[in-house]
Amino acid sequence: MFHIGDKIVYPMHGAGIIVDIEEKKILGEVHKYYVLQIPVSDMKVMLPVNNTETIGIRNIVSDSDASEAITHFKNCGESENNNWNQRYRENIEKLKGGNLIDVATVAKTLLLRDQKKSLSNAERKMLSNAKNILISELVLAKNKSYSEIESLLSEG
């Protein structure tokens, strides 16, 4: 169980801080929810306490794991897969898994592909989402601002 003040990751949405734990009565049953504040998007999300494992909620990575993800992002090459439909499905699975290295891979490979030729609207949206998910966790893990993390990722 997580507590108020914990920094967690909600796959496909990003990282945030639990600011409250609320009880809501739905269809006559009382359920507990984590209220997650996602600083990058300034969004609040309510997550059911009893479904955290099912939806893949986890603690944010350590500072050293965050540094490893930044290095991976900088060194990652373009995807070899030219079938955009297959590539899209693979990338969705990586984002759903919530692993920071996988998220960094999706963001970087789409960024490189976009620099060579224009992405489809679906992949452009995925690139934006992957970048926000990546940066949201790095902001909390490295205790830096959004712009500082963007600068770290664009160096080299």
Foldseek 3Di string as FASTA:
>chain_A
DDDAQFWKAQFLAAIFGFHDWDWDQDPNDIWIWTWTQQVLVRDTDTHTPVCCVVQPMDGFDALVVLVVLLVLLQPADADPDPPVVVVLVVLVVLRSNVDLNSLSNLLNNLVVVCVVDNDDPSSVVSNVSSLSRNLSSSCVNVVHDSVVVVVSNPDD
